[in-house]
Amino acid sequence: MVRQFSVGPIGENVYVVERPGEPVVVVDPGADADRILSETLEAAERVKNRAVHVVCTHGHLDHVAAAPGLLAGLKGAGLEARLFAPAGDRQYFGDTAEAVNRQVFKDIRANAFFTRFWTPIPEADVYYDDGYVFPGTGIRAMHTPGHTPGSSCLLVEGGSILLAGDTLFRYGRGRTDTFDADEAAIVSSIRTRILELPDTVRVMPGHGPSSTIGQERPLYP
């Protein structure tokens, strides 16, 4: 089961994936750590598993700002929590995180967002690559660069759902007007990777409503 709710002033979608007996997977904790923690603890109780994977599809602050508070809350509740991030976005975590995120939000003239939400982002416990399967789950990472160098999507529920991060939206795609983005790369990622999936796959993006591969395919002839 994939649960979705939006957080923060720009409606970033958080996803909580739960399957009986498996670790709970929290995708893109962008804001409101207390709410995400509550949802995650309830999910962990339902699945009867004390492990939680906190997974970021990319390193932008609106997708990771709640990670430190969430991890602290989970560990405080006695759960085993680990942070996973794409290898190509390693600069968005640890010692370089502040400078890189500051530049991104300066590029899009959103300095106020950075100032309001910045919190030190730790190094990930695991930096994952294309094809990585998250331990104890059937969730697989798909590297789809362009929005950021490491931007990735996640295939869940046996490949019937794509958690698309900020790569593909309903009738749109992620912005590429920041210093490390690449318009040609994101279009290539969509055409050569995402659109290889069946039309019936549900696309659940980092912002906004869901779509399907079939709905988006005509936009990329």
C-alpha atoms as a PDB file:
ATOM      1  CA  MET A   1       0.000   0.000   0.000  1.00  0.00           C
ATOM      2  CA  VAL A   2       1.214   3.516  -0.841  1.00  0.00           C
ATOM      3  CA  ARG A   3      -0.063   6.347   1.327  1.00  0.00           C
ATOM      4  CA  GLN A   4       0.321   9.923   0.065  1.00  0.00           C
ATOM      5  CA  PHE A   5       0.067  13.312   1.739  1.00  0.00           C
ATOM      6  CA  SER A   6       1.424  16.768   0.951  1.00  0.00           C
ATOM      7  CA  VAL A   7       3.614  18.951   3.164  1.00  0.00           C
ATOM      8  CA  GLY A   8       5.149  22.407   3.066  1.00  0.00           C
ATOM      9  CA  PRO A   9       4.141  25.577   1.224  1.00  0.00           C
ATOM     10  CA  ILE A  10       4.745  24.158  -2.256  1.00  0.00           C
ATOM     11  CA  GLY A  11       2.825  20.927  -1.744  1.00  0.00           C
ATOM     12  CA  GLU A  12       5.623  18.363  -1.752  1.00  0.00           C
ATOM     13  CA  ASN A  13       4.225  14.825  -1.835  1.00  0.00           C
ATOM     14  CA  VAL A  14       5.422  12.401   0.826  1.00  0.00           C
ATOM     15  CA  TYR A  15       4.836   8.695   0.245  1.00  0.00           C
ATOM     16  CA  VAL A  16       4.725   5.987   2.906  1.00  0.00           C
ATOM     17  CA  VAL A  17       4.960   2.477   1.460  1.00  0.00           C
ATOM     18  CA  GLU A  18       3.888  -0.356   3.716  1.00  0.00           C
ATOM     19  CA  ARG A  19       3.624  -4.085   3.146  1.00  0.00           C
ATOM     20  CA  PRO A  20       3.079  -6.695   5.893  1.00  0.00           C
ATOM     21  CA  GLY A  21       6.338  -7.856   7.419  1.00  0.00           C
ATOM     22  CA  GLU A  22       8.525  -5.508   5.359  1.00  0.00           C
ATOM     23  CA  PRO A  23      10.335  -2.329   6.428  1.00  0.00           C
ATOM     24  CA  VAL A  24       8.261   0.827   6.051  1.00  0.00           C
ATOM     25  CA  VAL A  25       9.630   3.057   3.289  1.00  0.00           C
ATOM     26  CA  VAL A  26       9.192   6.829   3.602  1.00  0.00           C
ATOM     27  CA  VAL A  27       9.878   8.689   0.364  1.00  0.00           C
ATOM     28  CA  ASP A  28      10.901  12.370   0.234  1.00  0.00           C
ATOM     29  CA  PRO A  29      10.350  13.772   3.743  1.00  0.00           C
ATOM     30  CA  GLY A  30      10.238  17.443   2.735  1.00  0.00           C
ATOM     31  CA  ALA A  31       8.644  19.209   5.716  1.00  0.00           C
ATOM     32  CA  ASP A  32       6.510  18.664   8.820  1.00  0.00           C
ATOM     33  CA  ALA A  33       8.639  15.980  10.452  1.00  0.00           C
ATOM     34  CA  ASP A  34       6.129  15.453  13.277  1.00  0.00           C
ATOM     35  CA  ARG A  35       3.336  14.543  10.890  1.00  0.00           C
ATOM     36  CA  ILE A  36       5.554  12.221   8.866  1.00  0.00           C
ATOM     37  CA  LEU A  37       6.787  10.599  12.081  1.00  0.00           C
ATOM     38  CA  SER A  38       3.237   9.959  13.255  1.00  0.00           C
ATOM     39  CA  GLU A  39       2.247   8.404   9.923  1.00  0.00           C
ATOM     40  CA  THR A  40       5.391   6.268   9.898  1.00  0.00           C
ATOM     41  CA  LEU A  41       4.984   4.982  13.431  1.00  0.00           C
ATOM     42  CA  GLU A  42       1.415   3.960  12.657  1.00  0.00           C
ATOM     43  CA  ALA A  43       2.573   2.176   9.512  1.00  0.00           C
ATOM     44  CA  ALA A  44       5.344   0.347  11.394  1.00  0.00           C
ATOM     45  CA  GLU A  45       2.796  -0.877  13.901  1.00  0.00           C
ATOM     46  CA  ARG A  46       0.538  -2.161  11.125  1.00  0.00           C
ATOM     47  CA  VAL A  47       3.273  -4.056   9.273  1.00  0.00           C
ATOM     48  CA  LYS A  48       4.900  -5.379  12.457  1.00  0.00           C
ATOM     49  CA  ASN A  49       8.396  -4.396  11.419  1.00  0.00           C
ATOM     50  CA  ARG A  50      10.727  -2.072  13.349  1.00  0.00           C
ATOM     51  CA  ALA A  51      12.885  -1.089  10.373  1.00  0.00           C
ATOM     52  CA  VAL A  52      12.254   2.111   8.395  1.00  0.00           C
ATOM     53  CA  HIS A  53      13.958   3.183   5.180  1.00  0.00           C
ATOM     54  CA  VAL A  54      13.887   6.953   4.608  1.00  0.00           C
ATOM     55  CA  VAL A  55      14.467   7.363   0.866  1.00  0.00           C
ATOM     56  CA  CYS A  56      15.142  10.590  -1.042  1.00  0.00           C
ATOM     57  CA  THR A  57      14.567  10.667  -4.798  1.00  0.00           C
ATOM     58  CA  HIS A  58      16.936  13.644  -5.005  1.00  0.00           C
ATOM     59  CA  GLY A  59      18.637  16.117  -2.707  1.00  0.00           C
ATOM     60  CA  HIS A  60      16.646  19.357  -3.023  1.00  0.00           C
ATOM     61  CA  LEU A  61      15.674  20.860   0.302  1.00  0.00           C
ATOM     62  CA  ASP A  62      11.927  20.652  -0.324  1.00  0.00           C
ATOM     63  CA  HIS A  63      12.344  16.857  -0.454  1.00  0.00           C
ATOM     64  CA  VAL A  64      14.787  16.320   2.440  1.00  0.00           C
ATOM     65  CA  ALA A  65      14.280  19.068   5.037  1.00  0.00           C
ATOM     66  CA  ALA A  66      12.305  16.850   7.430  1.00  0.00           C
ATOM     67  CA  ALA A  67      14.764  13.958   7.236  1.00  0.00           C
ATOM     68  CA  PRO A  68      16.863  14.917  10.298  1.00  0.00           C
ATOM     69  CA  GLY A  69      13.831  15.349  12.549  1.00  0.00           C
ATOM     70  CA  LEU A  70      12.176  12.213  11.221  1.00  0.00           C
ATOM     71  CA  LEU A  71      15.261  10.086  11.731  1.00  0.00           C
ATOM     72  CA  ALA A  72      15.722  11.404  15.263  1.00  0.00           C
ATOM     73  CA  GLY A  73      12.079  10.702  16.091  1.00  0.00           C
ATOM     74  CA  LEU A  74      12.178   7.186  14.713  1.00  0.00           C
ATOM     75  CA  LYS A  75      15.356   6.317  16.562  1.00  0.00           C
ATOM     76  CA  GLY A  76      13.926   7.864  19.722  1.00  0.00           C
ATOM     77  CA  ALA A  77      10.948   5.527  19.384  1.00  0.00           C
ATOM     78  CA  GLY A  78      13.284   2.547  19.178  1.00  0.00           C
ATOM     79  CA  LEU A  79      13.015   1.903  15.444  1.00  0.00           C
ATOM     80  CA  GLU A  80      15.930   1.090  13.146  1.00  0.00           C
ATOM     81  CA  ALA A  81      15.989   3.960  10.646  1.00  0.00           C
ATOM     82  CA  ARG A  82      18.395   4.538   7.761  1.00  0.00           C
ATOM     83  CA  LEU A  83      18.656   7.333   5.200  1.00  0.00           C
ATOM     84  CA  PHE A  84      19.034   6.430   1.511  1.00  0.00           C
ATOM     85  CA  ALA A  85      19.987   8.940  -1.208  1.00  0.00           C
ATOM     86  CA  PRO A  86      21.001   8.712  -4.872  1.00  0.00           C
ATOM     87  CA  ALA A  87      24.731   8.486  -5.419  1.00  0.00           C
ATOM     88  CA  GLY A  88      24.662  11.231  -8.041  1.00  0.00           C
ATOM     89  CA  ASP A  89      23.299  13.713  -5.499  1.00  0.00           C
ATOM     90  CA  ARG A  90      25.860  13.054  -2.796  1.00  0.00           C
ATOM     91  CA  GLN A  91      26.817  16.762  -2.755  1.00  0.00           C
ATOM     92  CA  TYR A  92      23.357  17.536  -1.339  1.00  0.00           C
ATOM     93  CA  PHE A  93      24.135  15.663   1.867  1.00  0.00           C
ATOM     94  CA  GLY A  94      26.655  16.147   4.651  1.00  0.00           C
ATOM     95  CA  ASP A  95      29.205  18.962   4.721  1.00  0.00           C
ATOM     96  CA  THR A  96      28.414  20.294   1.229  1.00  0.00           C
ATOM     97  CA  ALA A  97      24.624  20.238   1.590  1.00  0.00           C
ATOM     98  CA  GLU A  98      24.140  23.827   2.704  1.00  0.00           C
ATOM     99  CA  ALA A  99      26.171  25.476  -0.049  1.00  0.00           C
ATOM    100  CA  VAL A 100      24.667  23.344  -2.810  1.00  0.00           C
ATOM    101  CA  ASN A 101      21.066  23.817  -1.705  1.00  0.00           C
ATOM    102  CA  ARG A 102      21.634  27.528  -1.152  1.00  0.00           C
ATOM    103  CA  GLN A 103      22.797  27.864  -4.763  1.00  0.00           C
ATOM    104  CA  VAL A 104      19.804  25.913  -6.083  1.00  0.00           C
ATOM    105  CA  PHE A 105      17.278  28.117  -4.332  1.00  0.00           C
ATOM    106  CA  LYS A 106      19.183  31.231  -5.325  1.00  0.00           C
ATOM    107  CA  ASP A 107      19.006  30.092  -8.956  1.00  0.00           C
ATOM    108  CA  ILE A 108      15.198  29.866  -8.806  1.00  0.00           C
ATOM    109  CA  ARG A 109      14.875  33.069  -6.738  1.00  0.00           C
ATOM    110  CA  ALA A 110      13.503  31.231  -3.712  1.00  0.00           C
ATOM    111  CA  ASN A 111      15.985  32.429  -1.084  1.00  0.00           C
ATOM    112  CA  ALA A 112      13.166  32.861   1.420  1.00  0.00           C
ATOM    113  CA  PHE A 113      12.275  29.171   1.140  1.00  0.00           C
ATOM    114  CA  PHE A 114      15.881  28.180   1.803  1.00  0.00           C
ATOM    115  CA  THR A 115      16.130  30.493   4.823  1.00  0.00           C
ATOM    116  CA  ARG A 116      12.892  29.198   6.317  1.00  0.00           C
ATOM    117  CA  PHE A 117      13.494  25.484   5.846  1.00  0.00           C
ATOM    118  CA  TRP A 118      17.237  24.982   5.947  1.00  0.00           C
ATOM    119  CA  THR A 119      18.436  22.499   8.531  1.00  0.00           C
ATOM    120  CA  PRO A 120      21.710  20.553   8.394  1.00  0.00           C
ATOM    121  CA  ILE A 121      21.229  17.466   6.252  1.00  0.00           C
ATOM    122  CA  PRO A 122      23.290  14.451   7.344  1.00  0.00           C
ATOM    123  CA  GLU A 123      25.218  12.104   5.133  1.00  0.00           C
ATOM    124  CA  ALA A 124      23.059   9.252   3.909  1.00  0.00           C
ATOM    125  CA  ASP A 125      23.662   5.811   5.355  1.00  0.00           C
ATOM    126  CA  VAL A 126      23.431   4.386   1.841  1.00  0.00           C
ATOM    127  CA  TYR A 127      23.997   6.095  -1.526  1.00  0.00           C
ATOM    128  CA  TYR A 128      22.127   4.014  -4.063  1.00  0.00           C
ATOM    129  CA  ASP A 129      22.599   3.571  -7.814  1.00  0.00           C
ATOM    130  CA  ASP A 130      20.410   2.547 -10.741  1.00  0.00           C
ATOM    131  CA  GLY A 131      18.751  -0.822 -10.172  1.00  0.00           C
ATOM    132  CA  TYR A 132      19.273  -0.809  -6.406  1.00  0.00           C
ATOM    133  CA  VAL A 133      16.670  -2.839  -4.507  1.00  0.00           C
ATOM    134  CA  PHE A 134      15.989  -1.504  -1.029  1.00  0.00           C
ATOM    135  CA  PRO A 135      16.687  -4.175   1.611  1.00  0.00           C
ATOM    136  CA  GLY A 136      13.740  -6.304   2.618  1.00  0.00           C
ATOM    137  CA  THR A 137      11.472  -4.822  -0.069  1.00  0.00           C
ATOM    138  CA  GLY A 138      10.796  -5.229  -3.763  1.00  0.00           C
ATOM    139  CA  ILE A 139      11.262  -1.489  -4.393  1.00  0.00           C
ATOM    140  CA  ARG A 140      13.758  -0.745  -7.159  1.00  0.00           C
ATOM    141  CA  ALA A 141      15.514   2.513  -8.004  1.00  0.00           C
ATOM    142  CA  MET A 142      15.625   3.890 -11.539  1.00  0.00           C
ATOM    143  CA  HIS A 143      18.227   6.592 -12.230  1.00  0.00           C
ATOM    144  CA  THR A 144      16.563   9.411 -14.207  1.00  0.00           C
ATOM    145  CA  PRO A 145      19.001  12.354 -14.246  1.00  0.00           C
ATOM    146  CA  GLY A 146      18.147  15.846 -15.401  1.00  0.00           C
ATOM    147  CA  HIS A 147      16.373  17.651 -12.580  1.00  0.00           C
ATOM    148  CA  THR A 148      19.519  16.890 -10.584  1.00  0.00           C
ATOM    149  CA  PRO A 149      22.451  14.637 -11.514  1.00  0.00           C
ATOM    150  CA  GLY A 150      21.221  11.860  -9.234  1.00  0.00           C
ATOM    151  CA  SER A 151      17.456  12.239  -9.603  1.00  0.00           C
ATOM    152  CA  SER A 152      15.786   8.850  -9.376  1.00  0.00           C
ATOM    153  CA  CYS A 153      12.368   7.242  -9.511  1.00  0.00           C
ATOM    154  CA  LEU A 154      11.174   4.265  -7.498  1.00  0.00           C
ATOM    155  CA  LEU A 155       9.220   1.307  -8.855  1.00  0.00           C
ATOM    156  CA  VAL A 156       6.881  -0.073  -6.202  1.00  0.00           C
ATOM    157  CA  GLU A 157       3.993  -2.520  -5.912  1.00  0.00           C
ATOM    158  CA  GLY A 158       5.558  -4.926  -8.364  1.00  0.00           C
ATOM    159  CA  GLY A 159       6.272  -2.164 -10.857  1.00  0.00           C
ATOM    160  CA  SER A 160       2.649  -0.997 -11.081  1.00  0.00           C
ATOM    161  CA  ILE A 161       3.466   2.380  -9.461  1.00  0.00           C
ATOM    162  CA  LEU A 162       6.286   4.780 -10.232  1.00  0.00           C
ATOM    163  CA  LEU A 163       7.203   7.268  -7.518  1.00  0.00           C
ATOM    164  CA  ALA A 164       8.606   9.828  -9.930  1.00  0.00           C
ATOM    165  CA  GLY A 165      10.166  12.448  -7.668  1.00  0.00           C
ATOM    166  CA  ASP A 166      10.622  15.676  -9.627  1.00  0.00           C
ATOM    167  CA  THR A 167      11.396  13.972 -12.946  1.00  0.00           C
ATOM    168  CA  LEU A 168       7.882  13.546 -14.350  1.00  0.00           C
ATOM    169  CA  PHE A 169       4.684  15.327 -13.327  1.00  0.00           C
ATOM    170  CA  ARG A 170       1.159  15.157 -14.667  1.00  0.00           C
ATOM    171  CA  TYR A 171       1.469  16.961 -18.018  1.00  0.00           C
ATOM    172  CA  GLY A 172       4.899  18.315 -17.112  1.00  0.00           C
ATOM    173  CA  ARG A 173       8.432  17.574 -15.971  1.00  0.00           C
ATOM    174  CA  GLY A 174      10.901  18.828 -13.384  1.00  0.00           C
ATOM    175  CA  ARG A 175      12.481  22.239 -13.772  1.00  0.00           C
ATOM    176  CA  THR A 176      15.987  22.497 -15.173  1.00  0.00           C
ATOM    177  CA  ASP A 177      16.892  26.122 -14.430  1.00  0.00           C
ATOM    178  CA  THR A 178      19.385  25.383 -11.663  1.00  0.00           C
ATOM    179  CA  PHE A 179      23.161  25.141 -11.866  1.00  0.00           C
ATOM    180  CA  ASP A 180      23.377  21.329 -11.981  1.00  0.00           C
ATOM    181  CA  ALA A 181      20.229  20.535 -13.960  1.00  0.00           C
ATOM    182  CA  ASP A 182      20.146  19.419 -17.587  1.00  0.00           C
ATOM    183  CA  GLU A 183      17.103  19.780 -19.868  1.00  0.00           C
ATOM    184  CA  ALA A 184      18.367  17.331 -22.496  1.00  0.00           C
ATOM    185  CA  ALA A 185      19.087  14.759 -19.788  1.00  0.00           C
ATOM    186  CA  ILE A 186      15.632  14.927 -18.216  1.00  0.00           C
ATOM    187  CA  VAL A 187      13.904  14.565 -21.577  1.00  0.00           C
ATOM    188  CA  SER A 188      16.144  11.603 -22.368  1.00  0.00           C
ATOM    189  CA  SER A 189      15.384  10.054 -18.971  1.00  0.00           C
ATOM    190  CA  ILE A 190      11.671  10.311 -19.627  1.00  0.00           C
ATOM    191  CA  ARG A 191      11.799   9.061 -23.212  1.00  0.00           C
ATOM    192  CA  THR A 192      14.329   6.265 -22.871  1.00  0.00           C
ATOM    193  CA  ARG A 193      13.641   5.039 -19.359  1.00  0.00           C
ATOM    194  CA  ILE A 194      10.269   6.036 -17.935  1.00  0.00           C
ATOM    195  CA  LEU A 195       8.270   5.656 -21.149  1.00  0.00           C
ATOM    196  CA  GLU A 196       9.646   2.144 -21.536  1.00  0.00           C
ATOM    197  CA  LEU A 197       7.190   1.203 -18.772  1.00  0.00           C
ATOM    198  CA  PRO A 198       3.675  -0.043 -19.596  1.00  0.00           C
ATOM    199  CA  ASP A 199       0.903   2.509 -20.158  1.00  0.00           C
ATOM    200  CA  THR A 200      -0.959   1.260 -17.093  1.00  0.00           C
ATOM    201  CA  VAL A 201       1.795   2.185 -14.624  1.00  0.00           C
ATOM    202  CA  ARG A 202       0.580   4.882 -12.252  1.00  0.00           C
ATOM    203  CA  VAL A 203       2.897   7.893 -11.971  1.00  0.00           C
ATOM    204  CA  MET A 204       2.936   9.467  -8.500  1.00  0.00           C
ATOM    205  CA  PRO A 205       5.093  12.616  -8.648  1.00  0.00           C
ATOM    206  CA  GLY A 206       6.912  14.770  -6.118  1.00  0.00           C
ATOM    207  CA  HIS A 207       4.317  17.539  -6.495  1.00  0.00           C
ATOM    208  CA  GLY A 208       0.768  17.604  -7.761  1.00  0.00           C
ATOM    209  CA  PRO A 209      -1.690  14.921  -8.865  1.00  0.00           C
ATOM    210  CA  SER A 210      -1.002  11.460 -10.201  1.00  0.00           C
ATOM    211  CA  SER A 211      -1.005  10.366 -13.830  1.00  0.00           C
ATOM    212  CA  THR A 212      -0.196   7.263 -15.856  1.00  0.00           C
ATOM    213  CA  ILE A 213       2.487   6.410 -18.360  1.00  0.00           C
ATOM    214  CA  GLY A 214      -0.209   6.252 -21.015  1.00  0.00           C
ATOM    215  CA  GLN A 215      -1.350   9.804 -20.257  1.00  0.00           C
ATOM    216  CA  GLU A 216       2.172  11.204 -20.472  1.00  0.00           C
ATOM    217  CA  ARG A 217       3.420   9.258 -23.507  1.00  0.00           C
ATOM    218  CA  PRO A 218       1.811  11.532 -26.167  1.00  0.00           C
ATOM    219  CA  LEU A 219       3.783  14.503 -24.811  1.00  0.00           C
ATOM    220  CA  TYR A 220       7.090  12.854 -25.778  1.00  0.00           C
ATOM    221  CA  PRO A 221       6.698  11.610 -29.368  1.00  0.00           C
END
